[in-house]
Amino acid sequence: MKITRVAEETTFKNPHKIQAKKIFGSPDAEVIHMTLNPGENLMSHITPVDVFFYILAGEPTIEIGNEKEKVSADSIIESPANIPHCVYNESATTARFLVVKLPKSA
């Protein structure tokens, strides 16, 4: 059994300049734990694979294509491959979420 303790994982440098930790990786999937402090955002970008966001805490705003909506904890938001997407934290509290890529991008 492999146990990953997210709090003990190190943050990796990323173009979004936010706290991001790769917490799972296999040839078939990748999971990244992200934290957005108030006012931070995940910049708009495109991934070549399907992605979903699982909101752990806070109320970030998710934008996928031309749709934009504020979401809350325990929500899953699907983002199809090759569609621009971004996440904003326009609230006064920290937002935490998982980004799951299926299959894992190169």
N, C-alpha and C. Protein backbone atom coordinates (compact mmCIF):
# COMPACT_ATOMS: atom_id res chain seq x y z
N MET A 1 0.84 -1.17 0.00
CA MET A 1 0.00 0.00 0.00
C MET A 1 0.88 1.24 0.00
N LYS A 2 0.55 2.18 -0.86
CA LYS A 2 1.27 3.44 -0.89
C LYS A 2 0.33 4.53 -0.38
N ILE A 3 0.80 5.29 0.60
CA ILE A 3 0.01 6.38 1.17
C ILE A 3 0.73 7.69 0.88
N THR A 4 0.02 8.63 0.32
CA THR A 4 0.58 9.95 0.05
C THR A 4 -0.07 10.95 1.00
N ARG A 5 0.75 11.63 1.75
CA ARG A 5 0.27 12.67 2.64
C ARG A 5 0.49 14.01 1.96
N VAL A 6 -0.59 14.60 1.49
CA VAL A 6 -0.52 15.81 0.68
C VAL A 6 0.28 16.91 1.37
N ALA A 7 0.09 17.08 2.67
CA ALA A 7 0.79 18.13 3.41
C ALA A 7 2.31 17.94 3.38
N GLU A 8 2.77 16.72 3.18
CA GLU A 8 4.20 16.43 3.18
C GLU A 8 4.82 16.49 1.78
N GLU A 9 4.01 16.60 0.75
CA GLU A 9 4.51 16.66 -0.62
C GLU A 9 5.05 18.06 -0.92
N THR A 10 6.03 18.13 -1.81
CA THR A 10 6.61 19.42 -2.15
C THR A 10 5.87 20.06 -3.33
N THR A 11 5.84 21.36 -3.33
CA THR A 11 5.22 22.12 -4.41
C THR A 11 6.16 22.15 -5.61
N PHE A 12 5.62 22.03 -6.81
CA PHE A 12 6.46 22.13 -7.99
C PHE A 12 6.24 23.47 -8.68
N LYS A 13 7.30 23.97 -9.33
CA LYS A 13 7.20 25.23 -10.04
C LYS A 13 6.29 25.04 -11.24
N ASN A 14 5.43 26.03 -11.48
CA ASN A 14 4.49 25.95 -12.59
C ASN A 14 4.27 27.35 -13.16
N PRO A 15 3.83 27.45 -14.41
CA PRO A 15 3.67 28.77 -15.02
C PRO A 15 2.59 29.63 -14.36
N HIS A 16 1.72 29.01 -13.58
CA HIS A 16 0.63 29.74 -12.93
C HIS A 16 1.08 30.41 -11.63
N LYS A 17 2.27 30.00 -11.14
CA LYS A 17 2.85 30.53 -9.90
C LYS A 17 1.91 30.36 -8.71
N ILE A 18 1.29 29.17 -8.64
CA ILE A 18 0.43 28.84 -7.51
C ILE A 18 0.95 27.57 -6.85
N GLN A 19 0.43 27.26 -5.67
CA GLN A 19 0.84 26.05 -4.97
C GLN A 19 0.22 24.84 -5.66
N ALA A 20 1.07 23.98 -6.21
CA ALA A 20 0.62 22.78 -6.91
C ALA A 20 1.51 21.61 -6.50
N LYS A 21 0.88 20.48 -6.18
CA LYS A 21 1.61 19.29 -5.76
C LYS A 21 1.11 18.09 -6.56
N LYS A 22 2.05 17.41 -7.25
CA LYS A 22 1.68 16.17 -7.94
C LYS A 22 1.55 15.09 -6.88
N ILE A 23 0.35 14.57 -6.69
CA ILE A 23 0.13 13.60 -5.62
C ILE A 23 -0.10 12.19 -6.14
N PHE A 24 -0.28 12.05 -7.45
CA PHE A 24 -0.44 10.71 -8.04
C PHE A 24 -0.04 10.78 -9.50
N GLY A 25 0.67 9.77 -9.93
CA GLY A 25 1.03 9.67 -11.33
C GLY A 25 1.17 8.23 -11.76
N SER A 26 0.63 7.91 -12.91
CA SER A 26 0.77 6.60 -13.51
C SER A 26 0.76 6.82 -15.02
N PRO A 27 1.02 5.78 -15.79
CA PRO A 27 0.94 5.96 -17.25
C PRO A 27 -0.45 6.38 -17.73
N ASP A 28 -1.48 6.13 -16.90
CA ASP A 28 -2.86 6.37 -17.31
C ASP A 28 -3.51 7.60 -16.72
N ALA A 29 -2.97 8.16 -15.65
CA ALA A 29 -3.62 9.29 -14.99
C ALA A 29 -2.61 10.10 -14.19
N GLU A 30 -3.01 11.33 -13.90
CA GLU A 30 -2.20 12.21 -13.06
C GLU A 30 -3.16 13.01 -12.19
N VAL A 31 -2.80 13.19 -10.92
CA VAL A 31 -3.61 13.99 -10.00
C VAL A 31 -2.72 15.06 -9.38
N ILE A 32 -3.19 16.30 -9.46
CA ILE A 32 -2.46 17.43 -8.90
C ILE A 32 -3.36 18.12 -7.88
N HIS A 33 -2.81 18.37 -6.71
CA HIS A 33 -3.51 19.11 -5.66
C HIS A 33 -3.11 20.58 -5.79
N MET A 34 -4.10 21.46 -5.96
CA MET A 34 -3.81 22.88 -6.13
C MET A 34 -4.48 23.70 -5.04
N THR A 35 -3.81 24.76 -4.66
CA THR A 35 -4.33 25.70 -3.67
C THR A 35 -4.30 27.09 -4.29
N LEU A 36 -5.44 27.77 -4.23
CA LEU A 36 -5.53 29.15 -4.69
C LEU A 36 -5.89 30.03 -3.51
N ASN A 37 -5.01 30.93 -3.17
CA ASN A 37 -5.33 31.91 -2.14
C ASN A 37 -6.25 32.96 -2.74
N PRO A 38 -6.93 33.75 -1.91
CA PRO A 38 -7.80 34.79 -2.45
C PRO A 38 -7.06 35.67 -3.47
N GLY A 39 -7.71 35.88 -4.62
CA GLY A 39 -7.12 36.71 -5.67
C GLY A 39 -6.23 35.97 -6.64
N GLU A 40 -5.85 34.73 -6.36
CA GLU A 40 -5.01 33.96 -7.28
C GLU A 40 -5.87 33.26 -8.33
N ASN A 41 -5.22 32.88 -9.43
CA ASN A 41 -5.94 32.14 -10.46
C ASN A 41 -5.01 31.20 -11.22
N LEU A 42 -5.62 30.18 -11.76
CA LEU A 42 -4.97 29.26 -12.68
C LEU A 42 -5.22 29.88 -14.05
N MET A 43 -4.17 30.28 -14.76
CA MET A 43 -4.33 30.98 -16.03
C MET A 43 -5.03 30.11 -17.07
N SER A 44 -5.70 30.75 -17.99
CA SER A 44 -6.38 30.04 -19.06
C SER A 44 -5.35 29.27 -19.89
N HIS A 45 -5.65 28.00 -20.14
CA HIS A 45 -4.77 27.16 -20.95
C HIS A 45 -5.57 25.99 -21.51
N ILE A 46 -4.95 25.26 -22.40
CA ILE A 46 -5.58 24.10 -23.05
C ILE A 46 -4.75 22.87 -22.73
N THR A 47 -5.43 21.77 -22.41
CA THR A 47 -4.73 20.50 -22.22
C THR A 47 -5.16 19.54 -23.34
N PRO A 48 -4.25 18.67 -23.76
CA PRO A 48 -4.57 17.75 -24.85
C PRO A 48 -5.36 16.52 -24.39
N VAL A 49 -5.72 16.48 -23.11
CA VAL A 49 -6.46 15.34 -22.55
C VAL A 49 -7.65 15.87 -21.75
N ASP A 50 -8.62 14.99 -21.48
CA ASP A 50 -9.74 15.35 -20.62
C ASP A 50 -9.24 15.59 -19.20
N VAL A 51 -9.87 16.55 -18.53
CA VAL A 51 -9.52 16.92 -17.16
C VAL A 51 -10.80 17.03 -16.37
N PHE A 52 -10.74 16.71 -15.08
CA PHE A 52 -11.83 17.14 -14.21
C PHE A 52 -11.26 17.73 -12.95
N PHE A 53 -12.02 18.66 -12.39
CA PHE A 53 -11.65 19.34 -11.15
C PHE A 53 -12.57 18.81 -10.06
N TYR A 54 -11.99 18.43 -8.93
CA TYR A 54 -12.79 18.05 -7.76
C TYR A 54 -12.50 19.10 -6.69
N ILE A 55 -13.51 19.86 -6.30
CA ILE A 55 -13.34 20.95 -5.36
C ILE A 55 -13.35 20.40 -3.94
N LEU A 56 -12.25 20.64 -3.21
CA LEU A 56 -12.11 20.18 -1.84
C LEU A 56 -12.59 21.21 -0.83
N ALA A 57 -12.28 22.48 -1.08
CA ALA A 57 -12.63 23.55 -0.15
C ALA A 57 -12.71 24.87 -0.89
N GLY A 58 -13.49 25.79 -0.35
CA GLY A 58 -13.63 27.10 -0.94
C GLY A 58 -14.70 27.16 -2.00
N GLU A 59 -14.75 28.30 -2.70
CA GLU A 59 -15.74 28.51 -3.75
C GLU A 59 -15.09 29.18 -4.96
N PRO A 60 -14.23 28.44 -5.67
CA PRO A 60 -13.59 29.04 -6.84
C PRO A 60 -14.57 29.20 -8.00
N THR A 61 -14.18 30.01 -8.95
CA THR A 61 -14.94 30.18 -10.18
C THR A 61 -14.20 29.44 -11.28
N ILE A 62 -14.92 28.56 -11.97
CA ILE A 62 -14.34 27.75 -13.04
C ILE A 62 -14.82 28.30 -14.38
N GLU A 63 -13.90 28.45 -15.31
CA GLU A 63 -14.27 28.86 -16.67
C GLU A 63 -13.79 27.79 -17.63
N ILE A 64 -14.72 27.28 -18.42
CA ILE A 64 -14.40 26.27 -19.44
C ILE A 64 -15.06 26.73 -20.74
N GLY A 65 -14.22 27.01 -21.74
CA GLY A 65 -14.75 27.58 -22.98
C GLY A 65 -15.40 28.92 -22.67
N ASN A 66 -16.66 29.07 -23.05
CA ASN A 66 -17.36 30.34 -22.79
C ASN A 66 -18.31 30.25 -21.59
N GLU A 67 -18.18 29.18 -20.80
CA GLU A 67 -19.01 29.03 -19.59
C GLU A 67 -18.18 29.34 -18.35
N LYS A 68 -18.79 30.06 -17.41
CA LYS A 68 -18.09 30.46 -16.19
C LYS A 68 -19.08 30.36 -15.02
N GLU A 69 -18.65 29.65 -13.95
CA GLU A 69 -19.56 29.48 -12.82
C GLU A 69 -18.79 29.31 -11.52
N LYS A 70 -19.34 29.89 -10.45
CA LYS A 70 -18.79 29.72 -9.11
C LYS A 70 -19.27 28.35 -8.60
N VAL A 71 -18.34 27.57 -8.03
CA VAL A 71 -18.67 26.23 -7.56
C VAL A 71 -18.26 26.09 -6.09
N SER A 72 -18.71 25.02 -5.47
CA SER A 72 -18.42 24.82 -4.04
C SER A 72 -17.84 23.43 -3.81
N ALA A 73 -17.44 23.19 -2.57
CA ALA A 73 -16.83 21.90 -2.18
C ALA A 73 -17.72 20.73 -2.57
N ASP A 74 -17.07 19.63 -2.88
CA ASP A 74 -17.71 18.38 -3.29
C ASP A 74 -18.38 18.47 -4.66
N SER A 75 -17.91 19.40 -5.50
CA SER A 75 -18.36 19.49 -6.88
C SER A 75 -17.29 18.92 -7.79
N ILE A 76 -17.71 18.27 -8.87
CA ILE A 76 -16.81 17.80 -9.91
C ILE A 76 -17.18 18.53 -11.19
N ILE A 77 -16.18 19.12 -11.84
CA ILE A 77 -16.39 19.89 -13.05
C ILE A 77 -15.57 19.26 -14.16
N GLU A 78 -16.22 18.87 -15.23
CA GLU A 78 -15.54 18.23 -16.36
C GLU A 78 -15.03 19.29 -17.33
N SER A 79 -13.82 19.07 -17.85
CA SER A 79 -13.22 19.96 -18.83
C SER A 79 -12.68 19.10 -19.98
N PRO A 80 -13.35 19.11 -21.12
CA PRO A 80 -12.90 18.29 -22.25
C PRO A 80 -11.55 18.73 -22.80
N ALA A 81 -10.86 17.80 -23.42
CA ALA A 81 -9.57 18.09 -24.06
C ALA A 81 -9.72 19.22 -25.08
N ASN A 82 -8.65 20.00 -25.20
CA ASN A 82 -8.53 21.03 -26.24
C ASN A 82 -9.51 22.19 -26.11
N ILE A 83 -10.08 22.39 -24.93
CA ILE A 83 -10.97 23.53 -24.65
C ILE A 83 -10.27 24.40 -23.61
N PRO A 84 -10.15 25.71 -23.82
CA PRO A 84 -9.51 26.56 -22.81
C PRO A 84 -10.25 26.49 -21.48
N HIS A 85 -9.48 26.44 -20.40
CA HIS A 85 -10.09 26.43 -19.07
C HIS A 85 -9.20 27.18 -18.09
N CYS A 86 -9.82 27.69 -17.03
CA CYS A 86 -9.08 28.37 -15.97
C CYS A 86 -9.91 28.35 -14.69
N VAL A 87 -9.23 28.62 -13.58
CA VAL A 87 -9.88 28.64 -12.27
C VAL A 87 -9.47 29.94 -11.59
N TYR A 88 -10.45 30.65 -11.04
CA TYR A 88 -10.22 31.91 -10.33
C TYR A 88 -10.66 31.74 -8.88
N ASN A 89 -9.94 32.37 -7.98
CA ASN A 89 -10.42 32.45 -6.60
C ASN A 89 -10.75 33.91 -6.33
N GLU A 90 -11.99 34.27 -6.58
CA GLU A 90 -12.46 35.63 -6.39
C GLU A 90 -13.07 35.82 -5.00
N SER A 91 -12.97 34.78 -4.16
CA SER A 91 -13.55 34.83 -2.82
C SER A 91 -12.51 35.29 -1.80
N ALA A 92 -12.94 35.39 -0.56
CA ALA A 92 -12.05 35.83 0.53
C ALA A 92 -11.42 34.66 1.27
N THR A 93 -11.70 33.43 0.83
CA THR A 93 -11.14 32.25 1.49
C THR A 93 -10.32 31.42 0.52
N THR A 94 -9.45 30.59 1.05
CA THR A 94 -8.59 29.73 0.23
C THR A 94 -9.43 28.65 -0.45
N ALA A 95 -9.09 28.36 -1.70
CA ALA A 95 -9.73 27.29 -2.45
C ALA A 95 -8.71 26.18 -2.68
N ARG A 96 -9.14 24.94 -2.47
CA ARG A 96 -8.28 23.78 -2.74
C ARG A 96 -9.05 22.84 -3.64
N PHE A 97 -8.34 22.26 -4.63
CA PHE A 97 -9.01 21.35 -5.55
C PHE A 97 -8.01 20.37 -6.15
N LEU A 98 -8.54 19.28 -6.66
CA LEU A 98 -7.74 18.30 -7.38
C LEU A 98 -7.97 18.49 -8.87
N VAL A 99 -6.89 18.37 -9.63
CA VAL A 99 -6.96 18.34 -11.08
C VAL A 99 -6.60 16.92 -11.48
N VAL A 100 -7.51 16.25 -12.16
CA VAL A 100 -7.28 14.87 -12.58
C VAL A 100 -7.24 14.84 -14.10
N LYS A 101 -6.11 14.36 -14.65
CA LYS A 101 -5.92 14.26 -16.10
C LYS A 101 -6.03 12.81 -16.51
N LEU A 102 -6.91 12.55 -17.49
CA LEU A 102 -7.14 11.20 -17.97
C LEU A 102 -7.17 11.19 -19.49
N PRO A 103 -6.37 10.46 -20.19
CA PRO A 103 -5.15 9.87 -19.66
C PRO A 103 -4.12 10.96 -19.37
N LYS A 104 -3.09 10.59 -18.71
CA LYS A 104 -2.03 11.53 -18.35
C LYS A 104 -1.44 12.13 -19.62
N SER A 105 -1.24 13.45 -19.63
CA SER A 105 -0.61 14.09 -20.79
C SER A 105 0.89 13.91 -20.75
N ALA A 106 1.51 14.03 -21.90
CA ALA A 106 2.96 13.83 -22.01
C ALA A 106 3.73 14.94 -21.35
